[in-house]
């Protein structure tokens, strides 16, 4: 029985803290936009390091000259 005198106020304190944290999160805008983070994972962002590597590779290994003769069929 004496444990209830400690456990009930401790439980009420934990519930009060949880309610306070929930209302703080709602007021600070944590739940304003729930859809964008879920959709943003589907779209790739352009990595600036990636384009630098592509440009460096092009400088090291230039592409061969293209033949502008369009009358010949492409090789299979």
Protein backbone atom coordinates (compact mmCIF):
# COMPACT_ATOMS: atom_id res chain seq x y z
CA UNK A 1 0.00 0.00 0.00
CA UNK A 2 2.75 2.55 0.71
CA UNK A 3 4.08 1.97 -2.83
CA UNK A 4 0.83 3.43 -4.20
CA UNK A 5 1.60 6.73 -2.45
CA UNK A 6 4.71 6.99 -4.60
CA UNK A 7 3.58 5.29 -7.82
CA UNK A 8 0.33 7.22 -8.38
CA UNK A 9 1.95 10.71 -8.19
CA UNK A 10 4.88 9.46 -10.30
CA UNK A 11 2.46 8.15 -12.94
CA UNK A 12 0.51 11.42 -12.94
CA UNK A 13 3.75 13.36 -13.30
CA UNK A 14 4.82 11.24 -16.27
CA UNK A 15 1.41 11.71 -17.93
CA UNK A 16 1.57 15.47 -17.34
CA UNK A 17 5.04 15.64 -18.90
CA UNK A 18 3.87 13.59 -21.91
CA UNK A 19 0.87 15.89 -22.42
CA UNK A 20 3.10 18.96 -22.14
CA UNK A 21 5.54 17.57 -24.73
CA UNK A 22 2.67 16.69 -27.09
CA UNK A 23 1.16 20.19 -26.93
CA UNK A 24 4.61 21.75 -27.30
CA UNK A 25 5.16 19.70 -30.49
CA UNK A 26 1.78 20.73 -31.91
CA UNK A 27 2.39 24.42 -31.12
CA UNK A 28 5.90 24.39 -32.60
CA UNK A 29 4.62 23.04 -35.93
CA UNK A 30 5.93 19.49 -35.78
CA UNK A 31 2.69 18.13 -37.26
CA UNK A 32 2.00 20.86 -39.84
CA UNK A 33 3.23 19.03 -42.95
CA UNK A 34 3.00 15.26 -42.74
CA UNK A 35 2.94 14.51 -46.50
CA UNK A 36 6.04 16.25 -47.87
CA UNK A 37 8.65 14.21 -45.96
CA UNK A 38 7.03 11.00 -47.15
CA UNK A 39 7.11 12.15 -50.79
CA UNK A 40 10.54 13.78 -50.70
CA UNK A 41 12.26 10.41 -50.43
CA UNK A 42 11.01 9.58 -53.93
CA UNK A 43 12.82 12.48 -55.62
CA UNK A 44 16.59 12.60 -56.04
CA UNK A 45 18.37 15.79 -55.22
CA UNK A 46 21.21 16.79 -57.51
CA UNK A 47 24.50 16.16 -55.74
CA UNK A 48 27.07 18.84 -56.64
CA UNK A 49 29.89 16.34 -56.18
CA UNK A 50 28.30 14.05 -58.76
CA UNK A 51 28.33 16.69 -61.52
CA UNK A 52 31.93 17.58 -60.70
CA UNK A 53 32.95 13.95 -61.16
CA UNK A 54 31.13 13.75 -64.50
CA UNK A 55 32.85 16.92 -65.76
CA UNK A 56 36.25 15.67 -64.61
CA UNK A 57 35.71 12.38 -66.44
CA UNK A 58 34.75 14.22 -69.61
CA UNK A 59 37.94 16.30 -69.41
CA UNK A 60 40.11 13.21 -68.96
CA UNK A 61 38.39 11.13 -71.65
CA UNK A 62 36.95 13.37 -74.37
CA UNK A 63 34.19 11.85 -76.47
CA UNK A 64 35.13 10.82 -80.04
CA UNK A 65 33.97 13.05 -82.87
CA UNK A 66 30.44 12.28 -84.01
CA UNK A 67 29.78 11.36 -87.62
CA UNK A 68 27.04 13.61 -88.96
CA UNK A 69 26.14 11.21 -91.78
CA UNK A 70 22.49 10.38 -91.03
CA UNK A 71 21.90 8.40 -94.25
CA UNK A 72 23.64 5.26 -92.95
CA UNK A 73 21.67 3.02 -90.62
CA UNK A 74 22.99 2.62 -87.08
CA UNK A 75 25.16 -0.40 -86.37
CA UNK A 76 23.55 -3.21 -84.42
